[in-house]
Amino acid sequence: MKPPTTPTGLANLGPLAQLKAGRLPERLLRLLVGLWLYGLAIALMIEGAVGASPWDVFHLGVSHHVPLSFGMVMVLTAVAVLLAWIPLRQMPGLGTVANTLLLGPFADLNLALLDTPEGLALRCAYLVAGVVLCAVATAMYIGAQLGPGPRDGLMTGLARRTGWSIRRIRTLIEVTVLVIGVLLGGVAGVGTLVFAFGVGPLTQFFLRYLVVRLDPPTAVVGETS
């Protein structure tokens, strides 16, 4: 029997099946590079100071109320989001664990390395680079088929259960999280709207090229259109 897939062809595999699906060294490398690039994308958008992503508006909002670093807030949020996977029957994996534990520290490290640039043009360039890089990073580590991170697992789980596109699901999630983040004291901006409505289509576009084809019959990749 073929496992359920998202409209982009991501298989819903269990942890052991993910590891046995072939091309494991390549997929592990894609996972780690994707997470590092995601951390860099987060830092670029925050340091650009023209509006962080909706999730990061939320993380920044929470950080105003707790004595924790931005990255640690990300880790704790990821653990909480995992609880929403239960009714979706979304399968975790090595990628899920790696995202939960590494993305926050990667973001903290990149934030320490980057400074807020002077001049609006360069700050906007940071934003654009961050949005595009985030989409590439998301497609890369999800496409490794080692299990999505908590936030993106929510996205792919809803896409699989509803039959809606990644683009539609991601946009709905980003807008919802943005509202909550602003209410918590996070600061949004023009860049936040650019991210909320741009990263979904970009992620779906890059997934067409970055999903790793797994060995049949363990997983059969579905349509990518």
Protein backbone atom coordinates (compact mmCIF):
# COMPACT_ATOMS: atom_id res chain seq x y z
CA MET A 1 0.00 0.00 0.00
CA LYS A 2 1.24 3.47 -0.82
CA PRO A 3 1.60 5.79 2.18
CA PRO A 4 -0.46 8.98 2.25
CA THR A 5 1.32 11.91 0.65
CA THR A 6 0.90 15.65 0.51
CA PRO A 7 0.10 17.27 -2.85
CA THR A 8 3.85 17.82 -3.28
CA GLY A 9 4.65 14.14 -2.86
CA LEU A 10 5.93 14.08 0.72
CA ALA A 11 5.33 10.63 2.18
CA ASN A 12 3.91 10.21 5.67
CA LEU A 13 6.41 7.64 6.92
CA GLY A 14 7.15 6.39 10.40
CA PRO A 15 10.57 6.99 11.98
CA LEU A 16 12.04 3.61 10.99
CA ALA A 17 10.65 3.74 7.46
CA GLN A 18 12.21 7.19 7.00
CA LEU A 19 15.64 5.81 7.87
CA LYS A 20 15.23 2.77 5.58
CA ALA A 21 13.94 4.67 2.56
CA GLY A 22 17.37 5.02 0.91
CA ARG A 23 19.90 7.79 0.18
CA LEU A 24 20.32 8.37 3.92
CA PRO A 25 23.73 10.17 3.91
CA GLU A 26 22.48 12.65 1.31
CA ARG A 27 19.24 13.19 3.18
CA LEU A 28 21.05 13.77 6.51
CA LEU A 29 23.26 16.36 4.87
CA ARG A 30 20.23 18.11 3.36
CA LEU A 31 18.55 18.12 6.76
CA LEU A 32 21.45 19.76 8.57
CA VAL A 33 22.20 22.28 5.82
CA GLY A 34 18.52 23.15 5.59
CA LEU A 35 18.27 23.79 9.32
CA TRP A 36 21.39 25.94 9.34
CA LEU A 37 20.07 27.99 6.39
CA TYR A 38 16.74 28.35 8.19
CA GLY A 39 18.53 29.76 11.24
CA LEU A 40 20.37 32.20 8.98
CA ALA A 41 17.09 33.20 7.29
CA ILE A 42 15.54 33.97 10.69
CA ALA A 43 18.52 36.10 11.68
CA LEU A 44 18.45 38.02 8.38
CA MET A 45 14.77 38.90 8.78
CA ILE A 46 15.11 39.94 12.41
CA GLU A 47 18.26 42.01 11.84
CA GLY A 48 16.69 43.58 8.76
CA ALA A 49 14.30 45.25 11.21
CA VAL A 50 11.50 45.77 8.70
CA GLY A 51 9.32 42.99 10.06
CA ALA A 52 10.13 39.44 11.18
CA SER A 53 8.26 36.34 10.08
CA PRO A 54 4.91 35.67 11.82
CA TRP A 55 6.33 32.81 13.88
CA ASP A 56 9.24 35.01 14.92
CA VAL A 57 6.90 37.86 15.84
CA PHE A 58 5.31 35.28 18.11
CA HIS A 59 8.69 34.13 19.49
CA LEU A 60 9.77 37.73 20.06
CA GLY A 61 6.47 38.46 21.77
CA VAL A 62 6.89 35.53 24.14
CA SER A 63 10.50 36.50 24.86
CA HIS A 64 9.22 39.80 26.29
CA HIS A 65 7.51 37.83 29.07
CA VAL A 66 10.09 35.17 29.96
CA PRO A 67 13.81 35.30 30.91
CA LEU A 68 14.89 33.17 27.96
CA SER A 69 16.82 33.75 24.74
CA PHE A 70 15.00 33.97 21.43
CA GLY A 71 16.31 30.55 20.45
CA MET A 72 15.19 28.91 23.69
CA VAL A 73 11.70 30.31 23.18
CA MET A 74 11.78 28.68 19.74
CA VAL A 75 12.70 25.32 21.28
CA LEU A 76 9.92 25.45 23.88
CA THR A 77 7.38 26.56 21.26
CA ALA A 78 8.40 23.65 19.04
CA VAL A 79 7.75 21.19 21.85
CA ALA A 80 4.29 22.71 22.42
CA VAL A 81 3.42 22.58 18.71
CA LEU A 82 4.26 18.88 18.62
CA LEU A 83 1.16 18.26 20.72
CA ALA A 84 -0.97 19.44 17.79
CA TRP A 85 0.42 16.58 15.72
CA ILE A 86 -1.51 14.01 17.74
CA PRO A 87 -4.96 14.49 16.11
CA LEU A 88 -3.33 14.89 12.67
CA ARG A 89 -1.51 11.56 13.05
CA GLN A 90 1.59 13.24 11.71
CA MET A 91 4.65 11.00 11.88
CA PRO A 92 7.75 12.40 13.62
CA GLY A 93 11.27 11.50 12.68
CA LEU A 94 14.91 12.37 13.03
CA GLY A 95 14.25 15.65 11.24
CA THR A 96 11.57 16.52 13.76
CA VAL A 97 13.95 16.04 16.67
CA ALA A 98 16.75 17.90 14.89
CA ASN A 99 14.48 20.84 14.10
CA THR A 100 13.16 21.01 17.65
CA LEU A 101 16.60 21.00 19.25
CA LEU A 102 18.83 22.74 16.67
CA LEU A 103 16.85 25.48 14.94
CA GLY A 104 16.67 27.74 18.00
CA PRO A 105 20.40 27.52 18.74
CA PHE A 106 21.21 28.04 15.04
CA ALA A 107 19.05 31.18 15.07
CA ASP A 108 20.75 32.46 18.24
CA LEU A 109 24.19 31.85 16.73
CA ASN A 110 23.38 33.65 13.49
CA LEU A 111 21.82 36.54 15.40
CA ALA A 112 25.09 36.89 17.29
CA LEU A 113 27.04 36.97 14.03
CA LEU A 114 24.86 39.49 12.19
CA ASP A 115 24.35 43.17 12.91
CA THR A 116 21.42 45.33 11.86
CA PRO A 117 22.56 47.06 8.66
CA GLU A 118 22.38 50.81 8.15
CA GLY A 119 20.15 52.13 5.41
CA LEU A 120 16.69 51.03 4.38
CA ALA A 121 17.83 49.50 1.09
CA LEU A 122 20.19 47.06 2.78
CA ARG A 123 17.63 46.21 5.44
CA CYS A 124 15.10 45.42 2.72
CA ALA A 125 17.73 43.28 1.01
CA TYR A 126 18.11 41.34 4.28
CA LEU A 127 14.36 40.80 4.29
CA VAL A 128 14.15 39.54 0.72
CA ALA A 129 17.15 37.28 1.21
CA GLY A 130 15.64 35.94 4.43
CA VAL A 131 12.26 35.12 2.85
CA VAL A 132 13.76 33.36 -0.15
CA LEU A 133 16.34 31.55 1.97
CA CYS A 134 13.65 30.42 4.40
CA ALA A 135 11.65 28.88 1.56
CA VAL A 136 14.72 27.11 0.17
CA ALA A 137 15.71 25.88 3.64
CA THR A 138 12.21 24.64 4.40
CA ALA A 139 11.99 22.75 1.11
CA MET A 140 15.48 21.32 1.64
CA TYR A 141 15.00 19.90 5.12
CA ILE A 142 11.38 18.80 4.61
CA GLY A 143 12.36 17.34 1.24
CA ALA A 144 14.94 15.17 2.99
CA GLN A 145 11.93 13.11 4.13
CA LEU A 146 13.28 12.55 7.64
CA GLY A 147 10.26 14.12 9.26
CA PRO A 148 9.34 17.81 9.21
CA GLY A 149 9.93 20.17 12.09
CA PRO A 150 7.07 20.82 14.52
CA ARG A 151 5.79 23.96 12.76
CA ASP A 152 6.17 22.59 9.25
CA GLY A 153 4.79 19.22 10.34
CA LEU A 154 1.65 21.05 11.32
CA MET A 155 1.61 22.49 7.80
CA THR A 156 2.22 19.21 5.96
CA GLY A 157 -0.12 17.29 8.28
CA LEU A 158 -2.97 19.69 7.58
CA ALA A 159 -2.20 19.58 3.85
CA ARG A 160 -2.37 15.79 3.86
CA ARG A 161 -5.57 15.63 5.91
CA THR A 162 -7.43 18.38 4.05
CA GLY A 163 -6.06 17.95 0.53
CA TRP A 164 -5.28 21.68 0.42
CA SER A 165 -2.04 22.94 -1.08
CA ILE A 166 1.07 23.70 0.98
CA ARG A 167 0.72 27.29 -0.20
CA ARG A 168 -2.79 27.69 1.21
CA ILE A 169 -2.13 25.91 4.49
CA ARG A 170 1.11 27.76 5.20
CA THR A 171 -0.45 31.14 4.51
CA LEU A 172 -3.35 30.44 6.89
CA ILE A 173 -0.96 29.32 9.66
CA GLU A 174 1.34 32.30 9.24
CA VAL A 175 -1.51 34.82 9.42
CA THR A 176 -2.98 33.18 12.55
CA VAL A 177 0.38 33.09 14.34
CA LEU A 178 1.04 36.70 13.40
CA VAL A 179 -2.11 37.92 15.12
CA ILE A 180 -1.26 36.04 18.30
CA GLY A 181 2.33 37.33 18.23
CA VAL A 182 1.23 40.96 17.94
CA LEU A 183 -1.15 40.50 20.86
CA LEU A 184 1.80 39.22 22.92
CA GLY A 185 3.81 42.33 22.14
CA GLY A 186 5.79 41.24 19.10
CA VAL A 187 6.39 43.96 16.53
CA ALA A 188 5.26 43.32 12.96
CA GLY A 189 6.08 45.34 9.86
CA VAL A 190 5.87 45.40 6.10
CA GLY A 191 8.36 42.56 5.99
CA THR A 192 6.03 40.41 8.07
CA LEU A 193 3.31 40.67 5.46
CA VAL A 194 5.79 39.96 2.67
CA PHE A 195 6.84 36.80 4.48
CA ALA A 196 3.32 35.69 5.41
CA PHE A 197 2.02 35.82 1.87
CA GLY A 198 5.24 35.05 0.01
CA VAL A 199 6.92 32.14 1.76
CA GLY A 200 4.08 29.65 1.10
CA PRO A 201 4.17 29.92 -2.70
CA LEU A 202 7.98 29.99 -2.67
CA THR A 203 8.19 26.89 -0.47
CA GLN A 204 5.81 24.97 -2.73
CA PHE A 205 7.86 26.03 -5.76
CA PHE A 206 11.18 24.87 -4.29
CA LEU A 207 9.67 21.60 -3.01
CA ARG A 208 9.19 20.55 -6.64
CA TYR A 209 12.96 20.41 -7.02
CA LEU A 210 14.20 19.56 -3.53
CA VAL A 211 12.06 16.58 -2.46
CA VAL A 212 14.31 13.51 -2.37
CA ARG A 213 12.90 10.59 -4.35
CA LEU A 214 12.65 7.63 -2.00
CA ASP A 215 13.06 3.98 -2.88
CA PRO A 216 9.81 2.20 -3.84
CA PRO A 217 7.80 0.49 -2.54
CA THR A 218 8.56 2.10 0.85
CA ALA A 219 7.44 5.45 -0.46
CA VAL A 220 6.00 6.54 -3.76
CA VAL A 221 6.34 10.20 -4.51
CA GLY A 222 3.12 11.78 -5.67
CA GLU A 223 2.47 14.67 -8.01
CA THR A 224 4.63 17.77 -7.78
CA SER A 225 2.42 20.12 -9.71
